[in-house]
Protein backbone atom coordinates (compact mmCIF):
# COMPACT_ATOMS: atom_id res chain seq x y z
CA MET A 1 10.51 -2.29 -18.96
CA LYS A 2 9.42 -5.96 -18.95
CA HIS A 3 7.99 -5.59 -15.43
CA LEU A 4 5.81 -2.69 -16.63
CA PHE A 5 4.14 -4.92 -19.26
CA PHE A 6 1.82 -5.95 -16.43
CA LEU A 7 0.16 -2.54 -16.83
CA ASN A 8 -0.86 -3.16 -20.44
CA LYS A 9 -4.22 -4.58 -19.33
CA TYR A 10 -4.99 -1.26 -17.63
CA PHE A 11 -3.94 0.73 -20.70
CA TYR A 12 -6.32 -1.39 -22.77
CA LYS A 13 -9.09 -0.90 -20.20
CA TYR A 14 -8.66 2.88 -20.28
CA LYS A 15 -7.81 3.21 -23.99
CA TRP A 16 -10.62 5.73 -24.47
CA TRP A 17 -8.84 7.97 -21.96
CA ILE A 18 -5.39 7.57 -23.54
CA ILE A 19 -6.42 8.20 -27.16
CA PRO A 20 -8.14 11.56 -26.49
CA GLY A 21 -5.27 12.41 -24.13
CA VAL A 22 -2.69 11.96 -26.93
CA PHE A 23 -4.91 14.03 -29.26
CA PHE A 24 -5.06 16.84 -26.68
CA VAL A 25 -1.26 16.70 -26.28
CA ILE A 26 -0.76 17.24 -30.03
CA ILE A 27 -3.33 20.07 -30.25
CA SER A 28 -1.97 21.85 -27.16
CA ASN A 29 1.58 21.75 -28.56
CA ILE A 30 0.47 23.13 -31.90
CA PHE A 31 -1.08 26.06 -30.06
CA GLY A 32 2.16 26.30 -28.06
CA VAL A 33 4.49 26.47 -31.09
CA VAL A 34 2.50 28.81 -33.36
CA PRO A 35 2.94 31.85 -31.02
CA ALA A 36 6.69 31.74 -31.76
CA GLN A 37 5.95 32.41 -35.42
CA VAL A 38 3.56 35.21 -34.43
CA VAL A 39 6.34 36.72 -32.30
CA GLY A 40 8.69 36.53 -35.32
CA HIS A 41 6.21 38.33 -37.59
CA ALA A 42 5.52 40.93 -34.88
CA PHE A 43 9.27 41.54 -34.43
CA ASN A 44 9.69 42.05 -38.20
CA LEU A 45 6.68 44.36 -38.21
CA ILE A 46 8.19 46.46 -35.41
CA THR A 47 11.58 46.85 -37.12
CA GLU A 48 10.05 47.63 -40.53
CA ASN A 49 7.42 50.08 -39.21
CA ILE A 50 9.92 51.95 -37.04
CA ALA A 51 12.03 52.56 -40.14
CA ILE A 52 8.97 53.72 -42.18
CA TYR A 53 7.73 55.85 -39.28
CA GLN A 54 11.09 57.66 -39.09
CA LEU A 55 11.12 58.06 -42.88
CA PHE A 56 7.88 60.09 -42.81
CA ASP A 57 9.06 62.34 -39.99
CA GLY A 58 7.25 65.73 -40.34
CA PHE A 59 4.60 64.41 -42.74
CA GLU A 60 0.87 63.84 -42.00
CA ARG A 61 1.18 60.21 -43.11
CA GLN A 62 3.32 59.53 -40.03
CA GLU A 63 0.19 59.51 -37.82
CA ILE A 64 -1.56 57.06 -40.19
CA ILE A 65 1.47 54.75 -40.08
CA TYR A 66 1.49 55.03 -36.29
CA ASN A 67 -2.20 53.99 -36.10
CA ILE A 68 -1.64 51.04 -38.45
CA PHE A 69 1.42 50.04 -36.41
CA SER A 70 -0.52 50.26 -33.11
CA ASN A 71 -3.46 48.24 -34.44
CA SER A 72 -1.12 45.59 -35.84
CA LEU A 73 0.69 45.24 -32.51
CA PHE A 74 -2.65 44.97 -30.71
CA PHE A 75 -3.76 42.32 -33.21
CA PHE A 76 -0.57 40.25 -32.72
CA GLY A 77 -0.76 40.62 -28.94
CA ALA A 78 -4.42 39.52 -28.90
CA LEU A 79 -3.60 36.62 -31.24
CA ILE A 80 -0.79 35.37 -28.96
CA LEU A 81 -3.09 35.65 -25.94
CA ILE A 82 -5.83 33.65 -27.69
CA LEU A 83 -3.34 30.98 -28.82
CA TYR A 84 -1.99 30.54 -25.28
CA LEU A 85 -5.52 30.42 -23.87
CA MET A 86 -6.33 27.64 -26.33
CA ARG A 87 -3.10 25.88 -25.36
CA GLY A 88 -4.07 26.17 -21.70
CA LEU A 89 -7.54 24.76 -22.44
CA PHE A 90 -6.14 21.71 -24.23
CA LEU A 91 -3.48 21.24 -21.52
CA PHE A 92 -6.37 21.10 -19.05
CA PHE A 93 -8.09 18.46 -21.20
CA MET A 94 -4.79 16.57 -21.46
CA ARG A 95 -4.42 16.41 -17.67
CA GLN A 96 -8.11 15.59 -17.22
CA THR A 97 -7.67 12.50 -19.39
CA ILE A 98 -4.15 11.15 -18.77
CA ILE A 99 -3.71 12.15 -15.11
CA LEU A 100 -7.25 11.06 -14.22
CA MET A 101 -6.57 7.77 -15.99
CA SER A 102 -3.50 7.28 -13.78
CA ARG A 103 -5.63 7.80 -10.68
CA HIS A 104 -8.12 5.19 -11.90
CA ILE A 105 -5.25 2.74 -12.54
CA GLU A 106 -3.88 3.49 -9.05
CA TYR A 107 -7.32 2.73 -7.58
CA ASP A 108 -7.62 -0.53 -9.56
CA MET A 109 -4.10 -1.64 -8.62
CA LYS A 110 -4.59 -1.02 -4.90
CA ASN A 111 -7.83 -2.99 -4.97
CA GLU A 112 -6.22 -5.81 -6.93
CA ILE A 113 -3.26 -6.00 -4.53
CA TYR A 114 -5.47 -5.87 -1.44
CA ALA A 115 -7.83 -8.53 -2.83
CA HIS A 116 -4.86 -10.75 -3.71
CA TYR A 117 -3.33 -10.28 -0.25
CA GLN A 118 -6.55 -11.57 1.30
CA LYS A 119 -6.45 -14.70 -0.88
CA LEU A 120 -2.94 -15.61 0.26
CA SER A 121 -2.54 -18.11 3.05
CA LEU A 122 -1.50 -17.53 6.66
CA GLY A 123 2.03 -18.76 5.92
CA PHE A 124 2.53 -15.81 3.57
CA TYR A 125 1.94 -13.39 6.46
CA ARG A 126 4.37 -15.30 8.66
CA ARG A 127 7.09 -14.87 6.04
CA ASN A 128 6.51 -11.16 5.30
CA ASN A 129 6.35 -8.21 7.66
CA THR A 130 3.39 -5.84 7.68
CA GLY A 131 5.45 -2.77 6.79
CA ASP A 132 6.67 -4.36 3.55
CA LEU A 133 3.13 -5.45 2.58
CA MET A 134 1.82 -1.92 3.17
CA ASN A 135 4.73 -0.33 1.31
CA ARG A 136 4.04 -2.37 -1.82
CA ALA A 137 0.35 -1.44 -1.77
CA THR A 138 0.97 2.28 -1.17
CA GLU A 139 4.43 3.70 -1.95
CA ASP A 140 5.18 1.25 -4.80
CA VAL A 141 1.74 1.77 -6.36
CA ASN A 142 2.23 5.54 -6.13
CA ARG A 143 5.52 5.26 -8.02
CA VAL A 144 3.80 3.21 -10.72
CA ARG A 145 1.06 5.86 -10.90
CA MET A 146 3.72 8.49 -11.57
CA TYR A 147 4.75 6.39 -14.58
CA VAL A 148 1.26 5.79 -16.03
CA GLY A 149 0.35 9.45 -15.46
CA PRO A 150 3.01 12.20 -15.45
CA ALA A 151 5.80 10.12 -17.05
CA ILE A 152 3.71 9.05 -20.04
CA MET A 153 2.12 12.49 -20.35
CA TYR A 154 5.46 14.33 -20.34
CA THR A 155 7.07 11.77 -22.66
CA ILE A 156 4.35 12.22 -25.29
CA ASN A 157 4.36 15.98 -24.72
CA THR A 158 8.16 16.21 -25.11
CA ALA A 159 8.21 14.02 -28.23
CA VAL A 160 5.42 16.00 -29.97
CA LEU A 161 6.83 19.41 -29.00
CA PHE A 162 10.36 18.41 -30.00
CA LEU A 163 9.24 17.18 -33.44
CA LEU A 164 7.16 20.31 -34.06
CA ILE A 165 9.93 22.71 -33.02
CA ILE A 166 12.62 20.83 -34.97
CA TYR A 167 10.39 20.91 -38.05
CA PHE A 168 9.73 24.67 -37.78
CA MET A 169 13.38 25.44 -36.97
CA PHE A 170 14.74 23.61 -40.01
CA ASP A 171 11.96 25.05 -42.14
CA VAL A 172 13.27 28.56 -41.34
CA ASN A 173 17.05 27.96 -41.44
CA SER A 174 18.86 24.64 -41.06
CA THR A 175 22.26 26.19 -40.12
CA LEU A 176 20.80 28.22 -37.25
CA ALA A 177 18.72 25.20 -36.16
CA ILE A 178 21.83 22.99 -35.85
CA TYR A 179 23.73 25.60 -33.78
CA CYS A 180 20.70 26.20 -31.55
CA LEU A 181 20.39 22.50 -30.76
CA LEU A 182 24.11 21.86 -30.12
CA PRO A 183 23.98 22.36 -26.30
CA LEU A 184 20.77 20.32 -25.91
CA PRO A 185 22.37 16.81 -26.10
CA ILE A 186 24.86 17.91 -23.42
CA LEU A 187 21.90 19.17 -21.36
CA VAL A 188 20.03 15.85 -21.78
CA VAL A 189 23.04 13.76 -20.71
CA THR A 190 23.77 16.09 -17.77
CA ILE A 191 20.17 15.98 -16.61
CA TYR A 192 20.04 12.18 -16.91
CA PHE A 193 23.16 11.58 -14.81
CA VAL A 194 22.36 14.28 -12.26
CA ASN A 195 18.78 13.04 -11.94
CA THR A 196 20.06 9.48 -11.43
CA LEU A 197 22.35 10.79 -8.70
CA ILE A 198 19.47 12.75 -7.13
CA ASN A 199 17.28 9.65 -7.28
CA GLN A 200 19.92 7.50 -5.54
CA LYS A 201 20.36 10.08 -2.80
CA SER A 202 16.57 10.46 -2.47
CA GLU A 203 16.27 6.68 -2.04
CA ARG A 204 18.84 6.77 0.74
CA ILE A 205 16.98 9.66 2.39
CA GLN A 206 13.71 7.67 2.22
CA GLU A 207 15.39 4.61 3.72
CA GLN A 208 16.89 6.70 6.52
CA LEU A 209 13.56 8.42 7.14
CA SER A 210 11.87 5.01 7.29
CA ARG A 211 14.42 3.83 9.88
CA LEU A 212 13.94 7.03 11.86
CA SER A 213 10.14 6.67 11.80
CA SER A 214 10.29 2.99 12.78
CA PHE A 215 12.67 3.82 15.63
CA VAL A 216 10.36 6.55 16.99
CA GLN A 217 7.22 4.42 16.62
CA GLU A 218 8.77 1.44 18.37
CA ARG A 219 10.20 3.55 21.22
CA PHE A 220 6.90 5.32 21.82
CA SER A 221 5.10 1.97 21.83
CA GLY A 222 7.58 0.67 24.39
CA ILE A 223 7.78 3.87 26.45
CA ARG A 224 6.75 1.98 29.60
CA VAL A 225 9.75 -0.34 29.31
CA ILE A 226 12.10 2.58 28.52
CA LYS A 227 10.99 4.47 31.63
CA SER A 228 11.10 1.33 33.79
CA TYR A 229 14.72 0.70 32.85
CA VAL A 230 15.66 4.43 32.91
CA ARG A 231 16.95 4.30 29.33
CA GLU A 232 15.68 7.71 28.18
CA LYS A 233 19.19 9.14 27.72
CA GLN A 234 20.44 6.14 25.76
CA VAL A 235 17.36 6.22 23.50
CA GLN A 236 17.79 9.98 22.99
CA ASP A 237 21.42 9.43 21.91
CA VAL A 238 20.42 6.78 19.37
CA PHE A 239 17.68 9.04 18.03
CA ALA A 240 20.17 11.92 17.69
CA SER A 241 22.54 9.62 15.78
CA GLU A 242 19.76 8.55 13.38
CA SER A 243 18.71 12.20 12.94
CA ILE A 244 22.28 13.24 12.08
CA ALA A 245 22.45 10.49 9.44
CA TYR A 246 19.18 11.77 7.96
CA LYS A 247 20.43 15.38 8.02
CA ASN A 248 23.70 14.44 6.30
CA SER A 249 21.85 12.54 3.56
CA SER A 250 19.55 15.54 3.00
CA MET A 251 22.49 17.97 2.84
CA ASN A 252 24.23 15.81 0.20
CA LEU A 253 21.09 15.99 -1.92
CA VAL A 254 20.84 19.77 -1.53
CA LYS A 255 24.47 20.17 -2.71
CA VAL A 256 23.78 18.20 -5.89
CA GLN A 257 20.61 20.19 -6.59
CA ALA A 258 22.48 23.45 -5.95
CA LEU A 259 24.93 22.59 -8.77
CA PHE A 260 22.31 21.14 -11.09
CA TYR A 261 20.02 24.13 -11.67
CA PRO A 262 22.77 26.71 -12.40
CA THR A 263 24.37 24.22 -14.84
CA MET A 264 21.05 23.75 -16.60
CA LEU A 265 20.51 27.53 -16.88
CA LEU A 266 24.08 27.96 -18.16
CA LEU A 267 23.52 25.49 -21.00
CA VAL A 268 20.17 27.09 -21.90
CA GLY A 269 21.86 30.52 -21.86
CA LEU A 270 24.64 29.17 -24.09
CA SER A 271 22.05 27.99 -26.58
CA THR A 272 20.42 31.45 -26.55
CA ILE A 273 23.81 33.17 -27.10
CA LEU A 274 24.55 30.87 -30.05
CA THR A 275 21.11 31.67 -31.46
CA VAL A 276 21.72 35.42 -31.28
CA TYR A 277 25.32 35.22 -32.60
CA ILE A 278 24.75 32.81 -35.49
CA GLY A 279 21.34 34.33 -36.19
CA GLY A 280 22.89 37.83 -36.37
CA LYS A 281 25.38 36.62 -38.97
CA GLN A 282 22.52 35.03 -40.94
CA VAL A 283 20.58 38.32 -40.82
CA ILE A 284 23.64 40.20 -42.14
CA ASP A 285 23.92 37.65 -44.94
CA GLY A 286 20.20 38.14 -45.69
CA ALA A 287 19.37 34.46 -45.03
CA ILE A 288 16.82 35.24 -42.29
CA THR A 289 15.02 38.21 -40.78
CA PRO A 290 15.53 39.67 -37.26
CA GLY A 291 12.09 38.25 -36.42
CA ASN A 292 13.43 34.73 -37.04
CA ILE A 293 16.00 35.25 -34.26
CA ALA A 294 13.19 36.15 -31.85
CA GLU A 295 11.26 33.11 -33.09
CA PHE A 296 14.27 30.82 -32.48
CA ILE A 297 14.81 32.21 -28.96
CA VAL A 298 11.18 31.33 -28.14
CA TYR A 299 11.74 27.83 -29.55
CA VAL A 300 14.89 27.33 -27.45
CA ASN A 301 13.09 28.38 -24.28
CA GLN A 302 10.13 26.14 -25.15
CA LEU A 303 12.50 23.16 -25.48
CA THR A 304 14.16 23.80 -22.11
CA PHE A 305 11.34 22.45 -19.93
CA PRO A 306 10.67 19.26 -22.01
CA VAL A 307 14.41 18.47 -22.15
CA THR A 308 14.63 18.97 -18.38
CA MET A 309 11.67 16.60 -18.03
CA LEU A 310 13.50 13.85 -19.95
CA GLY A 311 15.86 13.16 -17.06
CA TRP A 312 13.00 13.30 -14.55
CA VAL A 313 10.82 11.02 -16.71
CA THR A 314 13.69 8.52 -17.06
CA THR A 315 14.01 8.44 -13.28
CA LEU A 316 10.24 7.94 -12.90
CA ILE A 317 10.31 5.01 -15.31
CA GLN A 318 13.28 3.41 -13.50
CA ARG A 319 11.57 3.77 -10.12
CA ALA A 320 8.24 2.53 -11.51
CA ALA A 321 9.90 -0.54 -13.04
CA ALA A 322 11.58 -1.37 -9.71
CA SER A 323 8.31 -0.89 -7.82
CA GLN A 324 6.27 -2.89 -10.34
CA LYS A 325 8.79 -5.73 -10.01
CA ARG A 326 8.17 -5.75 -6.23
CA ILE A 327 4.41 -5.68 -6.77
CA ASN A 328 4.55 -8.49 -9.34
CA GLU A 329 6.51 -10.70 -6.91
CA PHE A 330 3.49 -10.89 -4.62
CA LEU A 331 0.79 -10.80 -7.33
CA GLN A 332 2.38 -13.84 -8.97
CA LEU A 333 2.20 -15.83 -5.73
CA GLN A 334 -0.61 -18.35 -5.61
CA PRO A 335 -2.43 -19.10 -2.32
CA ASP A 336 -1.45 -22.39 -0.67
CA ILE A 337 -5.06 -22.90 0.42
CA THR A 338 -7.63 -23.09 -2.40
CA SER A 339 -11.28 -24.09 -2.51
CA SER A 340 -13.36 -24.77 -5.62
CA ASN A 341 -16.45 -26.40 -4.07
CA ALA A 342 -19.53 -24.17 -4.37
CA GLU A 343 -21.80 -26.20 -2.06
CA GLU A 344 -22.86 -24.52 1.20
CA PRO A 345 -24.11 -27.21 3.59
CA VAL A 346 -24.85 -26.68 7.29
CA PHE A 347 -22.32 -28.66 9.32
CA ASP A 348 -23.08 -30.88 12.32
CA GLY A 349 -19.62 -30.38 13.79
CA LYS A 350 -18.09 -33.87 13.79
CA ILE A 351 -14.29 -33.61 13.42
CA SER A 352 -11.86 -36.45 12.65
CA PHE A 353 -8.06 -36.31 12.61
CA LYS A 354 -6.49 -39.34 10.88
CA ASN A 355 -2.71 -39.69 11.25
CA VAL A 356 -2.19 -35.96 10.74
CA SER A 357 1.37 -34.62 10.56
CA PHE A 358 2.37 -31.03 9.96
CA THR A 359 5.62 -29.06 9.67
CA TYR A 360 5.67 -25.26 9.40
CA PRO A 361 7.09 -24.51 5.93
CA ASP A 362 8.78 -21.24 6.90
CA THR A 363 10.59 -22.51 10.02
CA GLY A 364 10.84 -26.26 9.45
CA ILE A 365 9.44 -26.93 12.95
CA GLU A 366 7.56 -30.24 13.11
CA ALA A 367 4.43 -29.26 15.05
CA LEU A 368 2.30 -32.45 14.84
CA ARG A 369 3.20 -36.09 14.28
CA GLU A 370 0.63 -38.76 13.37
CA VAL A 371 -2.18 -37.24 15.42
CA SER A 372 -5.49 -39.11 15.39
CA PHE A 373 -8.67 -38.36 17.36
CA GLU A 374 -12.39 -37.78 16.88
CA VAL A 375 -14.73 -35.10 18.14
CA GLU A 376 -18.41 -36.06 18.00
CA LYS A 377 -21.19 -33.62 17.24
CA GLY A 378 -22.03 -31.53 20.32
CA GLN A 379 -18.99 -32.65 22.32
CA PHE A 380 -16.98 -30.33 24.54
CA VAL A 381 -13.34 -31.32 23.90
CA ALA A 382 -10.37 -29.83 25.69
CA ILE A 383 -6.76 -29.83 24.50
CA ILE A 384 -3.97 -29.38 27.01
CA GLY A 385 -0.20 -29.60 26.90
CA ARG A 386 3.04 -27.79 27.51
CA THR A 387 4.08 -24.70 25.51
CA GLY A 388 5.08 -25.71 21.98
CA SER A 389 3.28 -29.05 22.10
CA GLY A 390 1.14 -28.22 19.02
CA LYS A 391 -2.16 -27.06 20.55
CA SER A 392 -2.57 -23.87 18.49
CA THR A 393 -1.46 -25.76 15.38
CA LEU A 394 -4.45 -28.08 15.85
CA ALA A 395 -6.77 -25.05 15.88
CA ASN A 396 -5.15 -23.64 12.72
CA LEU A 397 -5.50 -26.96 10.91
CA ILE A 398 -9.18 -27.32 11.87
CA MET A 399 -9.85 -23.89 10.33
CA ARG A 400 -7.64 -24.87 7.37
CA MET A 401 -5.24 -21.97 7.77
CA TYR A 402 -2.68 -24.58 6.67
CA ASP A 403 -2.96 -27.92 4.87
CA THR A 404 -1.62 -31.07 6.46
CA ASP A 405 1.63 -32.63 5.25
CA ALA A 406 0.31 -36.15 5.83
CA GLY A 407 -2.97 -37.72 6.93
CA GLN A 408 -6.33 -36.03 6.56
CA ILE A 409 -8.92 -34.05 8.49
CA GLU A 410 -12.60 -34.80 7.99
CA ILE A 411 -15.63 -32.68 8.85
CA ASP A 412 -18.90 -34.65 9.03
CA GLY A 413 -17.14 -37.47 7.18
CA LYS A 414 -15.97 -35.25 4.30
CA GLU A 415 -12.33 -34.32 3.74
CA LEU A 416 -11.69 -30.72 4.79
CA LYS A 417 -9.75 -29.96 1.58
CA ASN A 418 -12.88 -30.67 -0.48
CA LEU A 419 -15.21 -28.32 1.42
CA ASN A 420 -16.29 -24.79 0.50
CA LEU A 421 -13.77 -22.94 2.67
CA ASN A 422 -15.70 -19.68 3.13
CA ASN A 423 -18.90 -21.54 4.04
CA PHE A 424 -17.00 -23.73 6.51
CA ARG A 425 -15.22 -20.84 8.22
CA ASN A 426 -18.48 -18.90 8.45
CA GLN A 427 -19.77 -21.66 10.71
CA ILE A 428 -16.75 -21.53 13.02
CA GLY A 429 -16.31 -19.23 16.00
CA PHE A 430 -12.64 -18.69 16.83
CA VAL A 431 -11.07 -16.87 19.76
CA PRO A 432 -7.30 -16.59 19.19
CA GLN A 433 -4.61 -16.77 21.84
CA GLU A 434 -3.32 -13.34 20.83
CA VAL A 435 -6.36 -11.07 21.02
CA PHE A 436 -6.73 -8.58 18.21
CA LEU A 437 -9.33 -5.79 18.32
CA PHE A 438 -9.80 -3.15 15.65
CA SER A 439 -9.63 0.62 16.17
CA ASP A 440 -13.41 0.85 16.11
CA THR A 441 -16.34 0.88 18.54
CA ILE A 442 -16.86 -2.01 20.96
CA LYS A 443 -20.16 -2.73 19.21
CA ASN A 444 -18.54 -3.05 15.78
CA ASN A 445 -15.77 -5.24 17.19
CA ILE A 446 -18.27 -7.67 18.71
CA ALA A 447 -20.44 -7.70 15.57
CA PHE A 448 -17.42 -8.05 13.27
CA GLY A 449 -18.38 -11.55 12.02
CA LEU A 450 -21.98 -10.60 11.12
CA SER A 451 -23.29 -8.84 8.02
CA ALA A 452 -26.54 -7.83 9.76
CA ILE A 453 -27.20 -7.25 13.46
CA GLU A 454 -30.49 -7.84 15.25
CA GLU A 455 -31.54 -5.65 18.16
CA GLY A 456 -30.04 -6.77 21.45
CA GLN A 457 -27.74 -9.31 19.78
CA VAL A 458 -24.52 -7.47 20.65
CA GLU A 459 -25.61 -6.88 24.26
CA GLN A 460 -26.49 -10.57 24.72
CA ALA A 461 -23.14 -11.68 23.31
CA ALA A 462 -21.40 -9.31 25.76
CA LYS A 463 -23.41 -10.81 28.66
CA ASN A 464 -22.48 -14.35 27.56
CA ALA A 465 -18.80 -13.31 27.52
CA ALA A 466 -19.17 -11.70 31.00
CA VAL A 467 -18.05 -8.31 29.72
CA TYR A 468 -21.41 -6.50 29.62
CA ASP A 469 -21.03 -4.87 33.07
CA ASN A 470 -17.61 -3.49 32.14
CA ILE A 471 -18.89 -2.01 28.88
CA VAL A 472 -21.92 -0.23 30.38
CA ASP A 473 -19.59 1.47 32.87
CA PHE A 474 -18.00 3.40 30.00
CA ASP A 475 -19.50 6.83 29.21
CA LEU A 476 -20.35 5.84 25.62
CA LYS A 477 -21.06 2.21 26.51
CA PHE A 478 -21.03 0.07 23.33
CA GLU A 479 -20.15 3.11 21.19
CA THR A 480 -16.83 3.53 23.02
CA MET A 481 -13.97 3.80 20.53
CA LEU A 482 -11.10 1.40 21.15
CA GLY A 483 -7.51 2.53 20.61
CA GLU A 484 -4.97 0.75 18.44
CA ARG A 485 -5.22 -3.04 18.99
CA GLY A 486 -7.84 -2.39 21.69
CA ILE A 487 -5.43 -0.56 24.01
CA THR A 488 -8.37 1.19 25.74
CA LEU A 489 -9.33 -2.09 27.46
CA SER A 490 -7.52 -4.22 30.00
CA GLY A 491 -6.14 -7.63 29.00
CA GLY A 492 -9.10 -9.51 30.48
CA GLN A 493 -11.64 -7.15 28.91
CA LYS A 494 -10.01 -7.53 25.49
CA GLN A 495 -10.19 -11.31 25.78
CA ARG A 496 -13.86 -11.21 26.72
CA VAL A 497 -14.75 -8.84 23.86
CA SER A 498 -12.96 -11.29 21.56
CA ILE A 499 -15.03 -14.14 23.06
CA ALA A 500 -18.24 -12.13 22.51
CA ARG A 501 -17.20 -11.66 18.85
CA ALA A 502 -17.06 -15.47 18.46
CA LEU A 503 -20.25 -16.22 20.42
CA ILE A 504 -22.45 -13.73 18.52
CA LYS A 505 -22.09 -15.87 15.38
CA GLU A 506 -23.76 -18.83 17.16
CA PRO A 507 -21.23 -21.10 15.44
CA LYS A 508 -21.56 -24.81 14.76
CA ILE A 509 -17.95 -25.27 15.92
CA LEU A 510 -16.37 -23.05 18.57
CA ILE A 511 -12.61 -22.98 19.14
CA PHE A 512 -11.08 -21.27 22.18
CA ASP A 513 -7.29 -21.03 21.85
CA ASP A 514 -6.14 -20.47 25.45
CA CYS A 515 -8.23 -17.30 25.60
CA LEU A 516 -9.23 -17.44 29.29
CA SER A 517 -5.75 -16.94 30.70
CA ALA A 518 -6.28 -13.24 31.53
CA VAL A 519 -9.62 -13.65 33.35
CA ASP A 520 -10.10 -14.57 36.98
CA THR A 521 -11.55 -17.90 38.10
CA LYS A 522 -15.02 -16.51 38.88
CA THR A 523 -15.35 -14.83 35.46
CA GLU A 524 -14.02 -17.97 33.80
CA GLU A 525 -16.72 -20.09 35.47
CA GLU A 526 -19.40 -17.61 34.36
CA ILE A 527 -18.16 -17.73 30.74
CA LEU A 528 -17.98 -21.53 30.72
CA SER A 529 -21.46 -21.76 32.23
CA ASN A 530 -22.86 -19.48 29.51
CA LEU A 531 -20.88 -21.41 26.93
CA GLY A 532 -22.53 -24.65 28.04
CA LYS A 533 -25.96 -23.14 27.35
CA ILE A 534 -25.08 -21.49 24.03
CA MET A 535 -23.15 -24.44 22.59
CA LYS A 536 -25.56 -27.15 23.68
CA GLY A 537 -25.68 -29.65 20.83
CA LYS A 538 -22.77 -27.87 19.10
CA THR A 539 -19.09 -28.75 19.04
CA SER A 540 -16.69 -26.86 21.32
CA ILE A 541 -12.89 -27.16 21.40
CA LEU A 542 -11.10 -25.47 24.27
CA ILE A 543 -7.30 -25.14 24.34
CA ALA A 544 -6.10 -24.30 27.83
CA HIS A 545 -3.27 -24.46 30.36
CA ARG A 546 -5.37 -24.52 33.53
CA ILE A 547 -6.89 -27.88 34.33
CA SER A 548 -9.64 -26.16 36.35
CA THR A 549 -10.87 -24.75 33.02
CA ILE A 550 -11.25 -28.10 31.29
CA LYS A 551 -12.09 -30.68 33.98
CA ASN A 552 -15.76 -30.80 32.92
CA ALA A 553 -14.95 -31.50 29.25
CA ASP A 554 -16.43 -34.59 27.56
CA LYS A 555 -12.94 -35.49 26.32
CA ILE A 556 -9.51 -34.17 27.19
CA ILE A 557 -6.60 -34.62 24.76
CA VAL A 558 -3.07 -34.28 26.17
CA LEU A 559 -0.39 -33.23 23.69
CA ASP A 560 3.36 -33.39 24.11
CA ASP A 561 5.97 -32.66 21.42
CA GLY A 562 3.33 -32.85 18.66
CA LYS A 563 1.92 -36.22 19.72
CA ILE A 564 -1.17 -37.29 21.65
CA ILE A 565 0.10 -38.99 24.78
CA GLU A 566 -3.24 -39.31 26.60
CA GLN A 567 -6.95 -38.78 26.01
CA GLY A 568 -10.08 -39.38 28.06
CA THR A 569 -12.24 -37.69 30.70
CA HIS A 570 -10.82 -35.81 33.70
CA ASN A 571 -11.38 -38.73 36.07
CA GLU A 572 -10.06 -41.32 33.62
CA LEU A 573 -6.85 -39.36 33.07
CA LEU A 574 -6.33 -38.90 36.83
CA ALA A 575 -6.80 -42.63 37.28
CA ASN A 576 -4.13 -43.31 34.63
CA ASN A 577 -1.65 -41.43 36.83
CA GLY A 578 0.23 -40.19 33.76
CA ALA A 579 1.27 -36.77 32.38
CA TYR A 580 -2.19 -35.25 32.96
CA ALA A 581 -2.22 -36.32 36.60
CA GLU A 582 1.27 -34.86 37.04
CA MET A 583 0.14 -31.50 35.58
CA TYR A 584 -2.93 -31.55 37.83
CA ASP A 585 -0.82 -32.17 40.96
CA ASN A 586 1.65 -29.42 39.99
CA GLN A 587 -1.15 -26.90 39.49
CA LEU A 588 -2.74 -27.81 42.82
CA LEU A 589 0.63 -27.31 44.50
CA GLU A 590 1.06 -23.89 42.83
CA GLU A 591 -2.37 -22.76 44.05
CA GLU A 592 -1.60 -23.89 47.62
CA ASN A 593 1.69 -21.95 47.59
CA ARG A 594 0.09 -18.66 46.52
């Protein structure tokens, strides 16, 4: 239960929902128990009046007795109906308070988890897969909701009803009460163990279903590869195998449930038989009336559902505790990247790296080693190097997705760690190497970084990214809905929409992380030409593989194995006849051989 203590703050927040809810539980159970006594009195009335009615057989008074008897039965029937209507009304109020409270807590928890996820650093997302993050915010929260709602409601309801019934039973006849309750402990233990078994099997079914769903999703996503390699039969066989495992798990659960319910009914029936047998002996001895037997049978049947719920509630609490533990694991994590500065200056765009070293904490890969360089305000700087040389790491460090292990990064002469992070990132335009577009309209994807859009702003950004002509060819133009991860567009179109998303912000610092690889040379020249106009007087950093893309840069930095091995202009680096010149010659040779 210690993991569930986290929820106490929500219980305190919604205390004015819980307190009336408990009150409604008590009132509804009082109205639920009283009808049993009414049934007992009615049963006694029937037996007594039948005897009196037969006694006056042939006399005029018999009709009067019949009328009194009929009116009394009608009165008792109406009274029972009214009592159950009142019970139903207060049960409604009970659910409207406690169950609604659980939905509010669910809402608050999901918002808290999502907000906390967004605070966590990029390294957190590298260490955890998306499915697990989603599961904790959805399935785990739902299990916790079942604890704060139904589990608590049924626990209070069972406790109150049990105490009331026990009190009334012993008030009538303690001997009969003890015999009536004898099978109930056996029923509780049976339900607990069977429910635990059902829960374990249900967990296995959920795990198998999750594997089955993941398998299908992945295969449908990679259907092109499957068809290309003619692996449909092999994939079908694997799917059949997973389906059989799921079917077997489900059948095992059904077998347990098939034994559980008859056993439960048998124990309840045994309790009823004991009530009638022992109660009959008590009636013969004159200790109770026949109506008390009817009253006890109602009590026994009223206890059946709450006792059944005990096992279910125990399972809910166990599952909620396990889920809350998983939720707490992430909520207790603190972001690696924090910012406390409230100032919001406008940046010029001067960037300084001073002996910066960085190792990825999750993999241990040393990405940068003692890197030092400066980017002046308004400069167009290009970064080039082989795969794995640390180019993208530089971009991540400039945006402070990670903090350096050694050395420091300065923006306009101020250490990056001391800046207002949100304000700084708002003034950066970033186009990632791996393009990501949302399942939304093209217009909303381009305007993603803006809170307000001016007329013509989206269209101009699309023209600057050389994607405008492609967009207007669509039937719905900028209102065209993109599929998952922008699947509606080609690779080059996706990259250019991503570029438009960065350019529309008119950033002080623009970072292109090898995002022109999927566009042709003519389109690339058009984008770079537009970029020169837009970013005039602003800082641009372009990470690329093609030297033709970066030859006009004010400064070119050549990285290799996390170190700067050369830097200068295109002509200066060619004159050095070093690694840059070698890459240039190799690329020229590749173009000639095409």
